[in-house]
Amino acid sequence: MLRRMPHAAGADYKDVTGPTDLAPGFPSTGSLRDGPVEQALVVDTADGLVVLTGWAHPGIIRILEAVHAQRPGRSIALVMGGFHLRSASKSKVTRIIRIFRRLGVKKVAPTHCTGDAARRQFQKAYAKDYIVGGAGKIVALGFQHN
């Protein structure tokens, strides 16, 4: 559901609860519940889907599975943002990396709440396809609009 409300400064507020195209080529997963309600932004590029997460409270795998279900047949070029793994065990992160690979995630840029240990595991597993992320990071991918 998308509800628009005018803002005093002239911008539109969009209340998004379900999977919604915010703009052409920019879908949202919609609200994913499990802990704090959260959603991820997806950018449809010529290189594949880019999934931008906040804190990934619903679980990074749950978010990626929602993206796959909502955009079947599209590969995931990059997952960037918090993966919410700061206190995850090494074995849990290893399992998550295996699932990323099984889901075809090409590149990763884990940030903030992923935690240093988990980021190091992703960096080792993804090698040249690991991107050091953070505030202000620019990653150029080919944009595509269908």
C-alpha atoms as a PDB file:
ATOM      1  CA  MET A   1       0.000   0.000   0.000  1.00  0.00           C
ATOM      2  CA  LEU A   2       1.276   3.447  -0.863  1.00  0.00           C
ATOM      3  CA  ARG A   3      -0.306   6.459   0.784  1.00  0.00           C
ATOM      4  CA  ARG A   4       0.831   9.928  -0.225  1.00  0.00           C
ATOM      5  CA  MET A   5       0.546  12.911   2.036  1.00  0.00           C
ATOM      6  CA  PRO A   6       1.608  16.431   1.061  1.00  0.00           C
ATOM      7  CA  HIS A   7       4.340  17.980   3.179  1.00  0.00           C
ATOM      8  CA  ALA A   8       4.514  21.673   4.064  1.00  0.00           C
ATOM      9  CA  ALA A   9       7.884  21.972   2.282  1.00  0.00           C
ATOM     10  CA  GLY A  10       6.371  20.603  -0.941  1.00  0.00           C
ATOM     11  CA  ALA A  11       7.657  17.021  -0.688  1.00  0.00           C
ATOM     12  CA  ASP A  12       5.416  13.958  -0.658  1.00  0.00           C
ATOM     13  CA  TYR A  13       5.465  11.585   2.302  1.00  0.00           C
ATOM     14  CA  LYS A  14       5.016   7.984   1.200  1.00  0.00           C
ATOM     15  CA  ASP A  15       3.689   5.500   3.740  1.00  0.00           C
ATOM     16  CA  VAL A  16       4.855   2.130   2.407  1.00  0.00           C
ATOM     17  CA  THR A  17       3.642  -1.102   3.973  1.00  0.00           C
ATOM     18  CA  GLY A  18       3.836  -3.671   1.165  1.00  0.00           C
ATOM     19  CA  PRO A  19       6.245  -4.190  -1.733  1.00  0.00           C
ATOM     20  CA  THR A  20       6.061  -0.956  -3.689  1.00  0.00           C
ATOM     21  CA  ASP A  21       7.868   0.736  -6.562  1.00  0.00           C
ATOM     22  CA  LEU A  22       8.887   4.056  -5.015  1.00  0.00           C
ATOM     23  CA  ALA A  23      10.013   5.242  -8.452  1.00  0.00           C
ATOM     24  CA  PRO A  24      10.757   3.400 -11.694  1.00  0.00           C
ATOM     25  CA  GLY A  25      13.605   0.988 -10.947  1.00  0.00           C
ATOM     26  CA  PHE A  26      13.483   1.645  -7.183  1.00  0.00           C
ATOM     27  CA  PRO A  27      11.283  -0.938  -5.447  1.00  0.00           C
ATOM     28  CA  SER A  28      10.962  -1.351  -1.691  1.00  0.00           C
ATOM     29  CA  THR A  29      10.563  -4.768  -0.090  1.00  0.00           C
ATOM     30  CA  GLY A  30       7.728  -3.361   1.981  1.00  0.00           C
ATOM     31  CA  SER A  31       7.566  -3.855   5.721  1.00  0.00           C
ATOM     32  CA  LEU A  32       9.287  -6.968   7.000  1.00  0.00           C
ATOM     33  CA  ARG A  33       8.393  -7.771  10.581  1.00  0.00           C
ATOM     34  CA  ASP A  34      10.479  -9.624  13.172  1.00  0.00           C
ATOM     35  CA  GLY A  35      11.595  -7.192  15.794  1.00  0.00           C
ATOM     36  CA  PRO A  36      11.469  -3.582  14.648  1.00  0.00           C
ATOM     37  CA  VAL A  37       9.531  -3.165  11.398  1.00  0.00           C
ATOM     38  CA  GLU A  38      11.986  -2.519   8.612  1.00  0.00           C
ATOM     39  CA  GLN A  39      12.227  -2.618   4.836  1.00  0.00           C
ATOM     40  CA  ALA A  40      15.027  -2.554   2.296  1.00  0.00           C
ATOM     41  CA  LEU A  41      15.420  -0.456  -0.827  1.00  0.00           C
ATOM     42  CA  VAL A  42      16.207  -2.256  -4.060  1.00  0.00           C
ATOM     43  CA  VAL A  43      17.774  -0.538  -7.058  1.00  0.00           C
ATOM     44  CA  ASP A  44      17.320  -2.281 -10.405  1.00  0.00           C
ATOM     45  CA  THR A  45      20.543  -1.837 -12.391  1.00  0.00           C
ATOM     46  CA  ALA A  46      21.888  -3.290 -15.618  1.00  0.00           C
ATOM     47  CA  ASP A  47      24.304  -5.288 -13.423  1.00  0.00           C
ATOM     48  CA  GLY A  48      21.498  -6.794 -11.323  1.00  0.00           C
ATOM     49  CA  LEU A  49      19.648  -5.791  -8.191  1.00  0.00           C
ATOM     50  CA  VAL A  50      21.317  -3.706  -5.504  1.00  0.00           C
ATOM     51  CA  VAL A  51      19.831  -4.294  -2.051  1.00  0.00           C
ATOM     52  CA  LEU A  52      20.323  -1.464   0.443  1.00  0.00           C
ATOM     53  CA  THR A  53      19.611  -2.376   4.048  1.00  0.00           C
ATOM     54  CA  GLY A  54      19.344  -0.387   7.241  1.00  0.00           C
ATOM     55  CA  TRP A  55      19.983  -2.563  10.276  1.00  0.00           C
ATOM     56  CA  ALA A  56      18.483  -5.774   8.816  1.00  0.00           C
ATOM     57  CA  HIS A  57      16.523  -6.480  12.010  1.00  0.00           C
ATOM     58  CA  PRO A  58      14.223  -8.957  10.196  1.00  0.00           C
ATOM     59  CA  GLY A  59      17.381 -10.889   9.232  1.00  0.00           C
ATOM     60  CA  ILE A  60      19.584 -10.333   6.208  1.00  0.00           C
ATOM     61  CA  ILE A  61      18.601 -13.692   4.711  1.00  0.00           C
ATOM     62  CA  ARG A  62      14.895 -12.943   5.152  1.00  0.00           C
ATOM     63  CA  ILE A  63      15.413  -9.648   3.338  1.00  0.00           C
ATOM     64  CA  LEU A  64      17.237 -11.331   0.425  1.00  0.00           C
ATOM     65  CA  GLU A  65      14.590 -14.054   0.185  1.00  0.00           C
ATOM     66  CA  ALA A  66      11.901 -11.336   0.000  1.00  0.00           C
ATOM     67  CA  VAL A  67      13.838  -9.620  -2.801  1.00  0.00           C
ATOM     68  CA  HIS A  68      14.115 -12.914  -4.720  1.00  0.00           C
ATOM     69  CA  ALA A  69      10.396 -13.595  -4.282  1.00  0.00           C
ATOM     70  CA  GLN A  70       9.446 -10.073  -5.412  1.00  0.00           C
ATOM     71  CA  ARG A  71      11.899  -9.907  -8.351  1.00  0.00           C
ATOM     72  CA  PRO A  72      12.163 -13.510  -9.612  1.00  0.00           C
ATOM     73  CA  GLY A  73      14.799 -14.116 -12.229  1.00  0.00           C
ATOM     74  CA  ARG A  74      16.849 -11.025 -11.330  1.00  0.00           C
ATOM     75  CA  SER A  75      20.325 -11.564  -9.911  1.00  0.00           C
ATOM     76  CA  ILE A  76      21.603  -9.692  -6.863  1.00  0.00           C
ATOM     77  CA  ALA A  77      24.637  -7.646  -7.858  1.00  0.00           C
ATOM     78  CA  LEU A  78      25.309  -6.086  -4.456  1.00  0.00           C
ATOM     79  CA  VAL A  79      24.049  -6.155  -0.883  1.00  0.00           C
ATOM     80  CA  MET A  80      25.082  -3.019   0.991  1.00  0.00           C
ATOM     81  CA  GLY A  81      24.288  -1.825   4.503  1.00  0.00           C
ATOM     82  CA  GLY A  82      23.940  -3.307   7.946  1.00  0.00           C
ATOM     83  CA  PHE A  83      23.607  -7.091   8.170  1.00  0.00           C
ATOM     84  CA  HIS A  84      22.827  -7.118  11.938  1.00  0.00           C
ATOM     85  CA  LEU A  85      25.499  -9.710  12.765  1.00  0.00           C
ATOM     86  CA  ARG A  86      27.513  -7.855  15.414  1.00  0.00           C
ATOM     87  CA  SER A  87      27.007 -10.600  18.029  1.00  0.00           C
ATOM     88  CA  ALA A  88      26.657 -13.546  15.618  1.00  0.00           C
ATOM     89  CA  SER A  89      28.926 -16.554  16.031  1.00  0.00           C
ATOM     90  CA  LYS A  90      31.558 -17.360  13.430  1.00  0.00           C
ATOM     91  CA  SER A  91      29.596 -20.466  12.406  1.00  0.00           C
ATOM     92  CA  LYS A  92      26.395 -18.453  11.934  1.00  0.00           C
ATOM     93  CA  VAL A  93      28.197 -15.938   9.717  1.00  0.00           C
ATOM     94  CA  THR A  94      29.729 -18.831   7.743  1.00  0.00           C
ATOM     95  CA  ARG A  95      26.210 -20.236   7.151  1.00  0.00           C
ATOM     96  CA  ILE A  96      24.945 -16.815   6.081  1.00  0.00           C
ATOM     97  CA  ILE A  97      27.829 -16.399   3.624  1.00  0.00           C
ATOM     98  CA  ARG A  98      26.979 -19.829   2.146  1.00  0.00           C
ATOM     99  CA  ILE A  99      23.362 -18.699   1.693  1.00  0.00           C
ATOM    100  CA  PHE A 100      24.535 -15.433   0.067  1.00  0.00           C
ATOM    101  CA  ARG A 101      26.515 -17.549  -2.401  1.00  0.00           C
ATOM    102  CA  ARG A 102      23.576 -19.897  -3.003  1.00  0.00           C
ATOM    103  CA  LEU A 103      21.348 -16.856  -3.668  1.00  0.00           C
ATOM    104  CA  GLY A 104      23.925 -15.618  -6.200  1.00  0.00           C
ATOM    105  CA  VAL A 105      24.970 -12.431  -4.382  1.00  0.00           C
ATOM    106  CA  LYS A 106      27.880 -11.123  -6.462  1.00  0.00           C
ATOM    107  CA  LYS A 107      29.292  -8.341  -4.233  1.00  0.00           C
ATOM    108  CA  VAL A 108      28.903  -7.294  -0.599  1.00  0.00           C
ATOM    109  CA  ALA A 109      29.446  -4.080   1.333  1.00  0.00           C
ATOM    110  CA  PRO A 110      28.545  -4.825   4.962  1.00  0.00           C
ATOM    111  CA  THR A 111      28.528  -1.804   7.256  1.00  0.00           C
ATOM    112  CA  HIS A 112      27.935  -0.661  10.861  1.00  0.00           C
ATOM    113  CA  CYS A 113      25.845  -3.276  12.725  1.00  0.00           C
ATOM    114  CA  THR A 114      27.416  -6.158  10.807  1.00  0.00           C
ATOM    115  CA  GLY A 115      30.269  -6.098  13.303  1.00  0.00           C
ATOM    116  CA  ASP A 116      34.010  -6.205  12.718  1.00  0.00           C
ATOM    117  CA  ALA A 117      34.377 -10.001  12.979  1.00  0.00           C
ATOM    118  CA  ALA A 118      31.552 -10.679  10.517  1.00  0.00           C
ATOM    119  CA  ARG A 119      32.890  -8.031   8.123  1.00  0.00           C
ATOM    120  CA  ARG A 120      36.287  -9.762   8.180  1.00  0.00           C
ATOM    121  CA  GLN A 121      34.606 -13.092   7.340  1.00  0.00           C
ATOM    122  CA  PHE A 122      32.734 -11.513   4.420  1.00  0.00           C
ATOM    123  CA  GLN A 123      35.940  -9.822   3.259  1.00  0.00           C
ATOM    124  CA  LYS A 124      37.812 -13.129   3.267  1.00  0.00           C
ATOM    125  CA  ALA A 125      34.965 -14.991   1.515  1.00  0.00           C
ATOM    126  CA  TYR A 126      34.282 -12.333  -1.133  1.00  0.00           C
ATOM    127  CA  ALA A 127      37.887 -11.122  -1.663  1.00  0.00           C
ATOM    128  CA  LYS A 128      37.861  -8.757  -4.679  1.00  0.00           C
ATOM    129  CA  ASP A 129      34.046  -8.641  -4.558  1.00  0.00           C
ATOM    130  CA  TYR A 130      34.073  -7.165  -1.048  1.00  0.00           C
ATOM    131  CA  ILE A 131      33.504  -3.410  -0.923  1.00  0.00           C
ATOM    132  CA  VAL A 132      34.471  -1.382   2.128  1.00  0.00           C
ATOM    133  CA  GLY A 133      31.237   0.490   2.789  1.00  0.00           C
ATOM    134  CA  GLY A 134      30.261   3.366   4.994  1.00  0.00           C
ATOM    135  CA  ALA A 135      28.709   6.801   5.036  1.00  0.00           C
ATOM    136  CA  GLY A 136      29.430   8.678   1.819  1.00  0.00           C
ATOM    137  CA  LYS A 137      30.611   5.597  -0.095  1.00  0.00           C
ATOM    138  CA  ILE A 138      29.884   5.827  -3.823  1.00  0.00           C
ATOM    139  CA  VAL A 139      29.465   2.621  -5.817  1.00  0.00           C
ATOM    140  CA  ALA A 140      28.826   3.020  -9.552  1.00  0.00           C
ATOM    141  CA  LEU A 141      26.610   0.434 -11.253  1.00  0.00           C
ATOM    142  CA  GLY A 142      24.736   0.684 -14.539  1.00  0.00           C
ATOM    143  CA  PHE A 143      21.155   1.902 -13.966  1.00  0.00           C
ATOM    144  CA  GLN A 144      18.339   0.223 -15.827  1.00  0.00           C
ATOM    145  CA  HIS A 145      14.653   1.109 -15.991  1.00  0.00           C
ATOM    146  CA  ASN A 146      12.176  -1.355 -17.460  1.00  0.00           C
END
